[in-house]
Structure formats: structure tokens, C-alpha cells
Protein backbone atom coordinates (compact mmCIF):
# COMPACT_ATOMS: atom_id res chain seq x y z
CA MET A 1 15.48 31.83 -1.73
CA THR A 2 17.54 29.43 -3.97
CA GLU A 3 17.97 25.74 -3.15
CA LYS A 4 21.59 26.43 -2.15
CA ASP A 5 20.07 29.09 0.40
CA LEU A 6 17.67 26.39 1.66
CA ASN A 7 20.57 23.85 2.18
CA ASN A 8 22.39 26.58 4.19
CA TRP A 9 19.38 27.14 6.35
CA MET A 10 18.92 23.54 6.83
CA THR A 11 22.42 23.15 7.91
CA ALA A 12 22.10 25.95 10.13
CA ILE A 13 19.20 24.47 12.03
CA SER A 14 19.94 20.96 11.95
CA GLY A 15 23.48 20.36 10.96
CA ALA A 16 25.61 17.61 12.70
CA ASP A 17 27.57 20.03 14.71
CA ILE A 18 24.76 22.40 15.65
CA ASN A 19 23.56 22.74 19.27
CA ILE A 20 20.06 23.61 20.29
CA GLU A 21 20.95 27.28 20.99
CA ASP A 22 22.53 27.84 17.70
CA SER A 23 19.53 26.06 15.97
CA GLN A 24 16.98 28.32 17.56
CA LYS A 25 19.01 31.49 16.59
CA ALA A 26 18.85 30.40 13.13
CA TYR A 27 15.22 29.76 13.11
CA GLY A 28 14.76 33.28 14.68
CA GLN A 29 16.75 34.61 11.79
CA TRP A 30 14.60 32.77 9.26
CA ALA A 31 11.15 33.63 10.71
CA SER A 32 10.28 36.64 8.60
CA THR A 33 10.42 34.51 5.31
CA TYR A 34 9.72 31.09 6.73
CA ASN A 35 6.08 30.92 5.58
CA LYS A 36 7.11 32.02 2.08
CA ASP A 37 9.76 29.65 1.94
CA SER A 38 7.71 26.84 3.40
CA GLU A 39 5.24 27.24 0.39
CA LYS A 40 7.90 27.25 -2.06
CA TYR A 41 9.93 24.29 -0.84
CA ARG A 42 6.66 22.29 0.31
CA PHE A 43 7.27 21.91 3.94
CA ASN A 44 3.81 20.70 4.26
CA ASN A 45 3.64 18.16 6.98
CA TYR A 46 0.88 20.25 8.38
CA LEU A 47 -1.43 18.96 5.61
CA LYS A 48 -1.14 15.31 6.82
CA ILE A 49 -1.69 16.42 10.60
CA ALA A 50 -5.02 18.23 9.42
CA GLU A 51 -6.08 15.29 7.43
CA ILE A 52 -5.65 12.80 10.26
CA LEU A 53 -7.41 15.04 12.79
CA GLN A 54 -10.25 15.60 10.34
CA GLY A 55 -10.63 11.77 10.33
CA LEU A 56 -10.65 11.40 14.08
CA TYR A 57 -13.13 14.40 14.91
CA PRO A 58 -16.35 15.07 13.10
CA GLU A 59 -17.23 18.76 12.20
CA ASP A 60 -19.53 19.25 15.21
CA LYS A 61 -16.76 18.25 17.59
CA ARG A 62 -13.88 20.22 16.32
CA GLY A 63 -14.86 23.68 17.60
CA ASN A 64 -14.48 22.21 21.28
CA THR A 65 -11.42 20.24 20.71
CA THR A 66 -8.34 21.68 22.61
CA ILE A 67 -4.94 21.40 20.76
CA LEU A 68 -1.29 22.04 21.80
CA ASP A 69 0.78 22.53 18.77
CA ILE A 70 4.59 21.85 19.70
CA GLY A 71 7.25 23.41 17.65
CA ALA A 72 4.63 25.74 16.43
CA GLY A 73 6.99 27.85 14.61
CA THR A 74 4.96 30.42 12.55
CA GLY A 75 1.77 28.88 12.94
CA LEU A 76 1.45 26.66 9.83
CA VAL A 77 -0.47 23.78 11.61
CA ALA A 78 -2.81 26.11 13.21
CA LYS A 79 -3.54 28.01 10.13
CA GLU A 80 -4.63 24.68 8.43
CA LEU A 81 -6.56 23.35 11.31
CA ARG A 82 -8.60 26.49 11.51
CA LYS A 83 -9.58 26.13 8.03
CA HIS A 84 -11.31 22.89 9.03
CA GLY A 85 -13.03 24.13 12.30
CA PHE A 86 -10.52 23.63 14.93
CA GLN A 87 -10.38 26.82 17.14
CA HIS A 88 -8.84 26.29 20.48
CA ILE A 89 -5.15 25.91 19.72
CA ASP A 90 -2.24 26.80 21.79
CA ALA A 91 1.45 27.09 20.80
CA LEU A 92 4.60 25.77 22.45
CA GLU A 93 7.83 26.99 20.67
CA PRO A 94 11.11 28.25 21.91
CA SER A 95 11.66 30.78 19.29
CA GLU A 96 10.04 34.18 20.15
CA ALA A 97 10.65 35.52 16.61
CA MET A 98 8.73 32.62 15.04
CA LEU A 99 5.84 32.96 17.47
CA ASP A 100 5.65 36.76 16.55
CA GLU A 101 4.84 35.77 12.87
CA ALA A 102 2.07 33.60 14.30
CA ARG A 103 0.78 36.31 16.53
CA LYS A 104 0.24 38.67 13.33
CA ASN A 105 -2.39 36.24 12.33
CA ASN A 106 -3.95 35.55 15.75
CA LEU A 107 -3.54 31.91 15.21
CA TYR A 108 -3.21 30.62 18.80
CA GLU A 109 -5.03 31.37 21.97
CA ASN A 110 -1.95 30.93 24.17
CA TYR A 111 1.79 30.96 23.51
CA PHE A 112 4.39 29.19 25.57
CA VAL A 113 8.01 30.12 24.71
CA GLU A 114 9.48 26.83 25.72
CA PHE A 115 11.41 23.82 24.42
CA ILE A 116 9.78 20.47 24.98
CA THR A 117 11.92 17.87 26.67
CA GLU A 118 11.38 14.90 28.67
CA SER A 119 11.12 16.98 31.89
CA PRO A 120 7.71 18.60 32.69
CA SER A 121 7.03 21.80 31.02
CA SER A 122 5.00 24.67 32.66
CA ILE A 123 1.78 23.24 31.41
CA PRO A 124 -0.29 21.10 33.72
CA ALA A 125 -0.95 17.40 33.05
CA ASN A 126 -3.99 16.26 31.06
CA SER A 127 -4.46 19.72 29.53
CA TYR A 128 -5.28 18.93 26.06
CA ASP A 129 -7.40 16.65 23.81
CA VAL A 130 -4.63 16.67 21.10
CA LEU A 131 -1.00 17.40 20.77
CA THR A 132 0.40 18.07 17.34
CA GLY A 133 4.00 18.37 15.96
CA GLY A 134 4.73 19.16 12.24
CA GLY A 135 8.59 18.87 11.54
CA ILE A 136 9.81 18.50 15.14
CA TYR A 137 11.86 15.72 14.14
CA ALA A 138 14.61 16.61 11.70
CA ASN A 139 18.22 16.09 12.02
CA GLU A 140 20.15 17.13 15.12
CA ALA A 141 19.15 19.88 17.60
CA HIS A 142 15.48 19.27 17.38
CA VAL A 143 12.94 17.71 19.87
CA PRO A 144 14.66 14.81 21.81
CA CYS A 145 13.21 11.34 21.87
CA GLY A 146 12.50 11.54 25.50
CA ALA A 147 10.09 14.34 24.91
CA ILE A 148 7.42 11.69 24.06
CA HIS A 149 6.99 11.27 27.81
CA GLU A 150 5.95 14.92 28.14
CA MET A 151 3.60 14.74 25.08
CA ILE A 152 1.81 11.94 26.74
CA ARG A 153 1.50 13.81 30.10
CA LEU A 154 0.02 16.78 28.46
CA VAL A 155 -2.81 14.93 26.80
CA LYS A 156 -5.93 13.66 28.32
CA SER A 157 -6.61 10.00 28.42
CA GLY A 158 -8.59 9.22 25.05
CA GLY A 159 -6.86 12.00 23.35
CA TYR A 160 -4.19 11.91 20.59
CA VAL A 161 -0.56 12.78 19.68
CA VAL A 162 -0.19 13.44 15.95
CA ILE A 163 3.21 14.04 14.56
CA ALA A 164 4.33 14.26 10.77
CA ALA A 165 8.08 14.61 9.65
CA SER A 166 10.55 14.10 6.91
CA HIS A 167 11.21 10.35 7.19
CA ASP A 168 14.43 10.81 5.33
CA LEU A 169 15.78 13.41 7.80
CA VAL A 170 14.52 11.19 10.77
CA ARG A 171 16.49 8.09 9.37
CA ALA A 172 19.60 10.26 8.91
CA SER A 173 19.71 11.41 12.24
CA GLY A 174 21.66 9.85 15.24
CA ASN A 175 19.34 11.39 17.67
CA TYR A 176 16.29 9.40 16.34
CA LYS A 177 17.68 5.82 15.99
CA GLU A 178 15.55 4.78 18.88
CA LEU A 179 12.64 6.92 18.23
CA GLU A 180 10.20 4.31 16.97
CA THR A 181 11.58 1.79 19.47
CA LEU A 182 10.48 4.17 22.34
CA MET A 183 7.17 4.60 20.73
CA GLY A 184 6.64 0.94 20.63
CA LYS A 185 7.87 0.61 24.23
CA LEU A 186 5.53 3.11 25.53
CA GLU A 187 2.72 1.21 23.63
CA THR A 188 3.76 -2.10 25.17
CA GLU A 189 3.69 -0.32 28.65
CA GLY A 190 0.19 0.80 28.03
CA LYS A 191 0.91 4.63 27.93
CA TRP A 192 -0.63 4.92 24.36
CA GLN A 193 -1.90 2.99 21.32
CA LYS A 194 -0.90 3.47 17.71
CA VAL A 195 -3.70 4.44 15.43
CA VAL A 196 -1.71 5.61 12.42
CA ARG A 197 1.71 5.03 10.92
CA GLU A 198 1.99 6.28 7.57
CA THR A 199 4.75 6.88 5.03
CA TRP A 200 4.52 8.41 1.58
CA LEU A 201 6.43 9.93 -1.21
CA ALA A 202 5.99 13.83 -1.57
CA GLU A 203 7.24 16.31 -4.20
CA SER A 204 10.05 18.45 -3.12
CA VAL A 205 12.19 20.99 -4.84
CA GLU A 206 13.28 20.67 -8.60
CA ASN A 207 10.81 17.70 -9.19
CA LYS A 208 12.60 15.69 -6.44
CA THR A 209 10.71 13.38 -4.21
CA VAL A 210 11.03 13.12 -0.37
CA GLU A 211 9.74 10.40 1.98
CA ARG A 212 7.49 11.68 4.84
CA ILE A 213 6.10 9.86 7.68
CA ALA A 214 3.22 10.60 10.16
CA TRP A 215 2.18 8.90 13.61
CA CYS A 216 -0.86 9.31 15.42
CA TYR A 217 -1.22 7.51 18.97
CA LYS A 218 -4.00 7.70 21.23
CA VAL A 219 -3.15 8.23 24.93
CA LEU A 220 -4.64 5.57 27.30
């Protein structure tokens, strides 16, 4: 895939005029080469998620930690977490084609073919110790801001929500202008507490750099 092809895919999944249905269709069409393209173009938010979780859970606790990976895609987050001893990982992802790629490698224990929003999903409250999301915030047609309420509902008190994304894409999106404002509001309301907010520059294609961002909140 060339950089031009990458730009075409990014427009197809998150262009300003793309709706959720068209975005998910494009993800489905991309599924078979997504892992290879992710490696080539360094879509590696999953590395930061794994780094944060390693700092939160000692090795002897990781095997019993339950995790829900939202926007799971082909399983890049789960694949990395399994390298570090995390075993009980479920996937929530609206694209069946993307999940089929994850199934080939037995990366998740349970698969929920759903799109997370502010409304309750099919999963009971307080089901997980950790919720992860790698790249769930991009431009348009991705996870809505209000889905944070559902993320908090799904995590046990004392558990964590860990999200990593392209800061450049988040800042360019009209959908996410109020994202961090909402995060702060929910902290003020005692719903969760910030543990990590980190930005960094990462190498991208053709020696370019992109700014990435990660958040970790402890659910109260």
C-alpha cells in the first residue's frame, strides 16, 4: 500500500462527510491487510496501552485481570497485551470482518459485535477490571464523546479506562472538541480520576512525525 492508498483509506473511514455505516463498511474492506498496513505505517497506539497497563498491574496480577478492548479491530491491542501476561480479554467491535481476523489468532475470549455509544450495550455493568481503546478517536464517524459514560459503566470500581489515539486527528475533529472537557467534568462529578495524560511525538510515514495522546482514568 502506498501513502496515497493510506490517505484514501483514511478518507474512507473518517472523512468529514463519512457516516458511521460507510466508515464501518470501509473498515471491513480493509480488514484483510489491516495488520500489515498498521505495521508499515506505525499505527501503534497499542504499545502505549500495554506500557500503561504493565505499570498498573504487576506480573502476578495480569493473568486474572479482565479486559474489554473496544474498537478491537483485528486484535492489535490484545496481541500486545498477551505478550505481557494478560489473558482474559474480550472484544467489542462493530465490524465482523475485522473480528474475523482476530479470531484467526484466538486473541479474545468473547466477541461482541457492537458499536459503543452513550446508550448501554448488551454487556452488564461492572463487568471488567480494565477497558482499552486504541485509535477509537480519529476524525469523524468514530466512537462518540458520550460513549465515555458507557465505558465507565462497564468497568468495576477501582478499575481503569486506558485510551490512546492520534492527537492530531482528535484536534482536527469537530466531534471531539468537547472530549477532554467531558473527561474533566466526569472527574469533577466523582465518576473517575485521571492517572495519566501523556502526549508524545511518534515516527510516521516518510520520516514524518505525528503527535499521539494517551489517557488513563481510574473508575471510582
